[in-house]
């Protein structure tokens, strides 16, 4: 009677350990962790879905058998900076994604440079058809590992046909464990850890 419980306990322990080791890492369709050879050849998470870039591009069917494609591509505006204080230079840059409609959605992503390869982050949505500017390290001395993504957007109520003219900045900090972005208040007086 005790043997089935022991087997069940071992299976549960292995599943829990697997979740903590691989749970937040990008996986391919076979459940294997994906590590990229560069920032343009890595896997990122865009709107909850893994997107693997090959030479800075991903094209997948919008639906099985559909002629419509979801195209994700490297846009640029690269910033090389050690985001997780491990002594290795990581890369922050912008991706664009089109899903068959008229929109072009811009995302800020990071590729963490690990000894085994590049691990992509979750994408932070900046907006549709924005005008990207620069990506910099926050000038606030209290902001540790905070990056600033500058871009222009439309004023509230303006149609998408109007060129972006409203300057905006997103202050972002990457959680190196979950690889998700957190929003930082620009004039925060305390220390960002």
C-alpha atoms as a PDB file:
ATOM      1  CA  UNK A   1       0.000   0.000   0.000  1.00  0.00           C
ATOM      2  CA  UNK A   2       2.831   2.418   0.744  1.00  0.00           C
ATOM      3  CA  UNK A   3       4.550   1.966  -2.642  1.00  0.00           C
ATOM      4  CA  UNK A   4       1.914   3.881  -4.713  1.00  0.00           C
ATOM      5  CA  UNK A   5       2.113   6.809  -2.251  1.00  0.00           C
ATOM      6  CA  UNK A   6       5.903   6.905  -2.487  1.00  0.00           C
ATOM      7  CA  UNK A   7       5.764   6.891  -6.296  1.00  0.00           C
ATOM      8  CA  UNK A   8       3.121   9.618  -6.248  1.00  0.00           C
ATOM      9  CA  UNK A   9       5.202  11.703  -3.810  1.00  0.00           C
ATOM     10  CA  UNK A  10       8.300  11.359  -6.019  1.00  0.00           C
ATOM     11  CA  UNK A  11       6.325  12.426  -9.116  1.00  0.00           C
ATOM     12  CA  UNK A  12       4.902  15.457  -7.303  1.00  0.00           C
ATOM     13  CA  UNK A  13       8.367  16.492  -6.050  1.00  0.00           C
ATOM     14  CA  UNK A  14       9.799  16.178  -9.576  1.00  0.00           C
ATOM     15  CA  UNK A  15       6.949  18.244 -11.038  1.00  0.00           C
ATOM     16  CA  UNK A  16       7.340  20.978  -8.435  1.00  0.00           C
ATOM     17  CA  UNK A  17      11.126  21.040  -8.903  1.00  0.00           C
ATOM     18  CA  UNK A  18      10.669  21.192 -12.685  1.00  0.00           C
ATOM     19  CA  UNK A  19       8.311  24.139 -12.333  1.00  0.00           C
ATOM     20  CA  UNK A  20      10.793  26.115 -10.243  1.00  0.00           C
ATOM     21  CA  UNK A  21      13.733  25.262 -12.480  1.00  0.00           C
ATOM     22  CA  UNK A  22      12.000  25.670 -15.851  1.00  0.00           C
ATOM     23  CA  UNK A  23       8.650  27.315 -15.077  1.00  0.00           C
ATOM     24  CA  UNK A  24       9.501  30.880 -16.043  1.00  0.00           C
ATOM     25  CA  UNK A  25      11.915  30.042 -18.867  1.00  0.00           C
ATOM     26  CA  UNK A  26      10.884  30.206 -22.514  1.00  0.00           C
ATOM     27  CA  UNK A  27      10.125  26.701 -23.780  1.00  0.00           C
ATOM     28  CA  UNK A  28       9.847  25.276 -27.246  1.00  0.00           C
ATOM     29  CA  UNK A  29       6.949  23.079 -28.369  1.00  0.00           C
ATOM     30  CA  UNK A  30       8.700  20.028 -26.850  1.00  0.00           C
ATOM     31  CA  UNK A  31       8.982  21.614 -23.408  1.00  0.00           C
ATOM     32  CA  UNK A  32      12.735  22.225 -23.676  1.00  0.00           C
ATOM     33  CA  UNK A  33      14.196  25.510 -22.402  1.00  0.00           C
ATOM     34  CA  UNK A  34      15.240  27.769 -25.276  1.00  0.00           C
ATOM     35  CA  UNK A  35      18.537  29.632 -25.000  1.00  0.00           C
ATOM     36  CA  UNK A  36      19.512  31.924 -27.837  1.00  0.00           C
ATOM     37  CA  UNK A  37      22.892  32.366 -29.463  1.00  0.00           C
ATOM     38  CA  UNK A  38      22.390  36.147 -29.570  1.00  0.00           C
ATOM     39  CA  UNK A  39      19.716  38.742 -28.828  1.00  0.00           C
ATOM     40  CA  UNK A  40      18.414  38.342 -32.406  1.00  0.00           C
ATOM     41  CA  UNK A  41      18.268  34.557 -32.021  1.00  0.00           C
ATOM     42  CA  UNK A  42      16.413  34.110 -28.757  1.00  0.00           C
ATOM     43  CA  UNK A  43      12.887  33.506 -27.458  1.00  0.00           C
ATOM     44  CA  UNK A  44      10.738  36.296 -25.994  1.00  0.00           C
ATOM     45  CA  UNK A  45       7.229  36.320 -24.540  1.00  0.00           C
ATOM     46  CA  UNK A  46       4.821  38.661 -26.323  1.00  0.00           C
ATOM     47  CA  UNK A  47       1.273  38.842 -24.956  1.00  0.00           C
ATOM     48  CA  UNK A  48       1.759  35.535 -23.146  1.00  0.00           C
ATOM     49  CA  UNK A  49       3.074  33.631 -26.183  1.00  0.00           C
ATOM     50  CA  UNK A  50       6.649  32.531 -26.835  1.00  0.00           C
ATOM     51  CA  UNK A  51       8.152  34.082 -29.959  1.00  0.00           C
ATOM     52  CA  UNK A  52      11.486  32.766 -31.197  1.00  0.00           C
ATOM     53  CA  UNK A  53      13.483  35.108 -33.404  1.00  0.00           C
ATOM     54  CA  UNK A  54      15.792  33.743 -36.078  1.00  0.00           C
ATOM     55  CA  UNK A  55      18.099  36.460 -37.371  1.00  0.00           C
ATOM     56  CA  UNK A  56      15.732  39.003 -35.804  1.00  0.00           C
ATOM     57  CA  UNK A  57      12.514  37.682 -37.389  1.00  0.00           C
ATOM     58  CA  UNK A  58       9.612  35.393 -36.536  1.00  0.00           C
ATOM     59  CA  UNK A  59       6.730  34.574 -38.893  1.00  0.00           C
ATOM     60  CA  UNK A  60       3.970  32.230 -37.733  1.00  0.00           C
ATOM     61  CA  UNK A  61       0.451  31.525 -38.971  1.00  0.00           C
ATOM     62  CA  UNK A  62      -2.180  33.616 -37.206  1.00  0.00           C
ATOM     63  CA  UNK A  63      -4.298  30.436 -37.035  1.00  0.00           C
ATOM     64  CA  UNK A  64      -3.683  26.901 -38.304  1.00  0.00           C
ATOM     65  CA  UNK A  65      -4.001  26.902 -42.094  1.00  0.00           C
ATOM     66  CA  UNK A  66      -4.381  30.694 -42.228  1.00  0.00           C
ATOM     67  CA  UNK A  67      -2.650  32.783 -44.889  1.00  0.00           C
ATOM     68  CA  UNK A  68      -2.480  35.636 -42.363  1.00  0.00           C
ATOM     69  CA  UNK A  69       0.812  35.806 -40.434  1.00  0.00           C
ATOM     70  CA  UNK A  70       1.952  37.187 -37.101  1.00  0.00           C
ATOM     71  CA  UNK A  71       5.269  38.843 -37.871  1.00  0.00           C
ATOM     72  CA  UNK A  72       7.592  39.812 -35.038  1.00  0.00           C
ATOM     73  CA  UNK A  73      10.849  41.525 -35.887  1.00  0.00           C
ATOM     74  CA  UNK A  74      13.850  43.165 -34.325  1.00  0.00           C
ATOM     75  CA  UNK A  75      13.425  46.954 -34.583  1.00  0.00           C
ATOM     76  CA  UNK A  76      16.574  48.170 -32.829  1.00  0.00           C
ATOM     77  CA  UNK A  77      17.351  51.100 -30.517  1.00  0.00           C
ATOM     78  CA  UNK A  78      19.718  48.750 -28.677  1.00  0.00           C
ATOM     79  CA  UNK A  79      21.113  49.476 -25.246  1.00  0.00           C
ATOM     80  CA  UNK A  80      23.849  47.192 -23.935  1.00  0.00           C
ATOM     81  CA  UNK A  81      23.833  47.207 -20.143  1.00  0.00           C
ATOM     82  CA  UNK A  82      24.192  44.748 -17.256  1.00  0.00           C
ATOM     83  CA  UNK A  83      20.553  44.506 -16.112  1.00  0.00           C
ATOM     84  CA  UNK A  84      21.021  41.853 -13.431  1.00  0.00           C
ATOM     85  CA  UNK A  85      24.428  42.864 -11.983  1.00  0.00           C
ATOM     86  CA  UNK A  86      26.107  39.580 -12.956  1.00  0.00           C
ATOM     87  CA  UNK A  87      29.015  41.256 -14.754  1.00  0.00           C
ATOM     88  CA  UNK A  88      27.734  40.279 -18.230  1.00  0.00           C
ATOM     89  CA  UNK A  89      26.457  42.778 -20.794  1.00  0.00           C
ATOM     90  CA  UNK A  90      22.749  42.247 -21.548  1.00  0.00           C
ATOM     91  CA  UNK A  91      20.789  43.848 -24.393  1.00  0.00           C
ATOM     92  CA  UNK A  92      17.574  45.910 -24.284  1.00  0.00           C
ATOM     93  CA  UNK A  93      15.890  46.712 -27.594  1.00  0.00           C
ATOM     94  CA  UNK A  94      12.552  47.114 -29.356  1.00  0.00           C
ATOM     95  CA  UNK A  95      10.535  44.520 -31.248  1.00  0.00           C
ATOM     96  CA  UNK A  96       7.599  45.198 -33.546  1.00  0.00           C
ATOM     97  CA  UNK A  97       4.696  42.844 -34.109  1.00  0.00           C
ATOM     98  CA  UNK A  98       2.029  42.922 -36.809  1.00  0.00           C
ATOM     99  CA  UNK A  99      -0.910  40.561 -36.680  1.00  0.00           C
ATOM    100  CA  UNK A 100      -2.489  41.033 -40.092  1.00  0.00           C
ATOM    101  CA  UNK A 101      -4.325  44.296 -39.389  1.00  0.00           C
ATOM    102  CA  UNK A 102      -3.073  47.842 -39.850  1.00  0.00           C
ATOM    103  CA  UNK A 103      -1.366  48.054 -36.455  1.00  0.00           C
ATOM    104  CA  UNK A 104       2.340  47.797 -35.715  1.00  0.00           C
ATOM    105  CA  UNK A 105       2.825  47.177 -32.002  1.00  0.00           C
ATOM    106  CA  UNK A 106       6.123  48.097 -30.324  1.00  0.00           C
ATOM    107  CA  UNK A 107       7.533  46.158 -27.353  1.00  0.00           C
ATOM    108  CA  UNK A 108      10.580  46.712 -25.152  1.00  0.00           C
ATOM    109  CA  UNK A 109      12.419  43.435 -24.508  1.00  0.00           C
ATOM    110  CA  UNK A 110      15.684  42.324 -22.930  1.00  0.00           C
ATOM    111  CA  UNK A 111      18.059  39.481 -23.694  1.00  0.00           C
ATOM    112  CA  UNK A 112      19.932  38.375 -20.590  1.00  0.00           C
ATOM    113  CA  UNK A 113      23.425  37.183 -21.448  1.00  0.00           C
ATOM    114  CA  UNK A 114      23.990  33.977 -19.463  1.00  0.00           C
ATOM    115  CA  UNK A 115      26.966  31.589 -19.670  1.00  0.00           C
ATOM    116  CA  UNK A 116      24.679  29.110 -21.500  1.00  0.00           C
ATOM    117  CA  UNK A 117      23.206  31.611 -23.973  1.00  0.00           C
ATOM    118  CA  UNK A 118      20.721  34.479 -24.241  1.00  0.00           C
ATOM    119  CA  UNK A 119      17.415  34.277 -22.375  1.00  0.00           C
ATOM    120  CA  UNK A 120      14.660  36.602 -23.595  1.00  0.00           C
ATOM    121  CA  UNK A 121      12.290  38.595 -21.420  1.00  0.00           C
ATOM    122  CA  UNK A 122       8.618  39.339 -21.457  1.00  0.00           C
ATOM    123  CA  UNK A 123       7.730  42.144 -23.866  1.00  0.00           C
ATOM    124  CA  UNK A 124       6.524  45.462 -22.446  1.00  0.00           C
ATOM    125  CA  UNK A 125       3.923  46.987 -24.793  1.00  0.00           C
ATOM    126  CA  UNK A 126       4.718  50.621 -25.594  1.00  0.00           C
ATOM    127  CA  UNK A 127       1.926  51.163 -28.124  1.00  0.00           C
ATOM    128  CA  UNK A 128       0.636  50.916 -31.679  1.00  0.00           C
ATOM    129  CA  UNK A 129       2.391  52.870 -34.433  1.00  0.00           C
ATOM    130  CA  UNK A 130       4.448  54.973 -32.032  1.00  0.00           C
ATOM    131  CA  UNK A 131       7.633  56.851 -32.988  1.00  0.00           C
ATOM    132  CA  UNK A 132      10.509  55.239 -31.048  1.00  0.00           C
ATOM    133  CA  UNK A 133      13.325  57.468 -29.834  1.00  0.00           C
ATOM    134  CA  UNK A 134      16.128  56.289 -27.515  1.00  0.00           C
ATOM    135  CA  UNK A 135      16.703  53.739 -24.778  1.00  0.00           C
ATOM    136  CA  UNK A 136      18.933  54.928 -21.913  1.00  0.00           C
ATOM    137  CA  UNK A 137      19.896  54.073 -18.360  1.00  0.00           C
ATOM    138  CA  UNK A 138      17.880  56.142 -15.864  1.00  0.00           C
ATOM    139  CA  UNK A 139      19.799  59.241 -14.737  1.00  0.00           C
ATOM    140  CA  UNK A 140      18.222  59.026 -11.254  1.00  0.00           C
ATOM    141  CA  UNK A 141      20.995  57.830  -8.872  1.00  0.00           C
ATOM    142  CA  UNK A 142      18.366  55.967  -6.813  1.00  0.00           C
ATOM    143  CA  UNK A 143      17.365  53.838  -9.814  1.00  0.00           C
ATOM    144  CA  UNK A 144      19.462  50.672  -9.851  1.00  0.00           C
ATOM    145  CA  UNK A 145      19.318  48.896 -13.241  1.00  0.00           C
ATOM    146  CA  UNK A 146      16.376  50.998 -14.464  1.00  0.00           C
ATOM    147  CA  UNK A 147      16.162  51.751 -18.164  1.00  0.00           C
ATOM    148  CA  UNK A 148      14.206  54.530 -19.860  1.00  0.00           C
ATOM    149  CA  UNK A 149      12.464  53.941 -23.183  1.00  0.00           C
ATOM    150  CA  UNK A 150      11.652  57.232 -24.913  1.00  0.00           C
ATOM    151  CA  UNK A 151       9.071  57.479 -27.684  1.00  0.00           C
ATOM    152  CA  UNK A 152       6.386  59.708 -29.170  1.00  0.00           C
ATOM    153  CA  UNK A 153       2.692  58.806 -29.134  1.00  0.00           C
ATOM    154  CA  UNK A 154      -0.512  60.508 -30.141  1.00  0.00           C
ATOM    155  CA  UNK A 155      -2.353  62.899 -27.864  1.00  0.00           C
ATOM    156  CA  UNK A 156      -5.495  61.472 -26.247  1.00  0.00           C
ATOM    157  CA  UNK A 157      -8.374  61.393 -28.728  1.00  0.00           C
ATOM    158  CA  UNK A 158      -6.200  61.821 -31.825  1.00  0.00           C
ATOM    159  CA  UNK A 159      -6.848  59.372 -34.668  1.00  0.00           C
ATOM    160  CA  UNK A 160      -4.190  56.840 -35.719  1.00  0.00           C
ATOM    161  CA  UNK A 161      -3.698  58.816 -38.948  1.00  0.00           C
ATOM    162  CA  UNK A 162      -2.050  61.660 -36.992  1.00  0.00           C
ATOM    163  CA  UNK A 163       1.727  61.451 -36.589  1.00  0.00           C
ATOM    164  CA  UNK A 164       2.873  60.833 -33.000  1.00  0.00           C
ATOM    165  CA  UNK A 165       3.964  64.098 -31.354  1.00  0.00           C
ATOM    166  CA  UNK A 166       3.503  63.587 -27.586  1.00  0.00           C
ATOM    167  CA  UNK A 167       6.822  62.712 -25.917  1.00  0.00           C
ATOM    168  CA  UNK A 168       6.626  59.828 -23.438  1.00  0.00           C
ATOM    169  CA  UNK A 169       9.119  57.846 -21.374  1.00  0.00           C
ATOM    170  CA  UNK A 170       8.660  54.413 -19.821  1.00  0.00           C
ATOM    171  CA  UNK A 171      10.896  53.792 -16.790  1.00  0.00           C
ATOM    172  CA  UNK A 172      11.317  50.014 -16.586  1.00  0.00           C
ATOM    173  CA  UNK A 173      13.142  47.559 -14.352  1.00  0.00           C
ATOM    174  CA  UNK A 174      13.547  43.905 -15.272  1.00  0.00           C
ATOM    175  CA  UNK A 175      13.034  41.209 -12.654  1.00  0.00           C
ATOM    176  CA  UNK A 176      15.884  38.826 -13.554  1.00  0.00           C
ATOM    177  CA  UNK A 177      14.074  35.799 -12.081  1.00  0.00           C
ATOM    178  CA  UNK A 178      10.723  36.154 -13.855  1.00  0.00           C
ATOM    179  CA  UNK A 179      12.117  38.261 -16.726  1.00  0.00           C
ATOM    180  CA  UNK A 180       9.094  40.546 -16.517  1.00  0.00           C
ATOM    181  CA  UNK A 181       9.223  44.333 -16.565  1.00  0.00           C
ATOM    182  CA  UNK A 182       8.121  46.480 -13.658  1.00  0.00           C
ATOM    183  CA  UNK A 183       7.205  50.144 -13.995  1.00  0.00           C
ATOM    184  CA  UNK A 184       9.292  52.583 -11.949  1.00  0.00           C
ATOM    185  CA  UNK A 185       8.143  56.066 -10.886  1.00  0.00           C
ATOM    186  CA  UNK A 186      10.569  58.537 -12.555  1.00  0.00           C
ATOM    187  CA  UNK A 187      11.110  60.821  -9.543  1.00  0.00           C
ATOM    188  CA  UNK A 188      11.049  58.079  -6.882  1.00  0.00           C
ATOM    189  CA  UNK A 189      13.194  59.163  -3.930  1.00  0.00           C
ATOM    190  CA  UNK A 190      13.849  55.688  -2.487  1.00  0.00           C
ATOM    191  CA  UNK A 191      16.219  53.114  -3.898  1.00  0.00           C
ATOM    192  CA  UNK A 192      15.085  50.809  -6.697  1.00  0.00           C
ATOM    193  CA  UNK A 193      16.404  47.314  -5.883  1.00  0.00           C
END
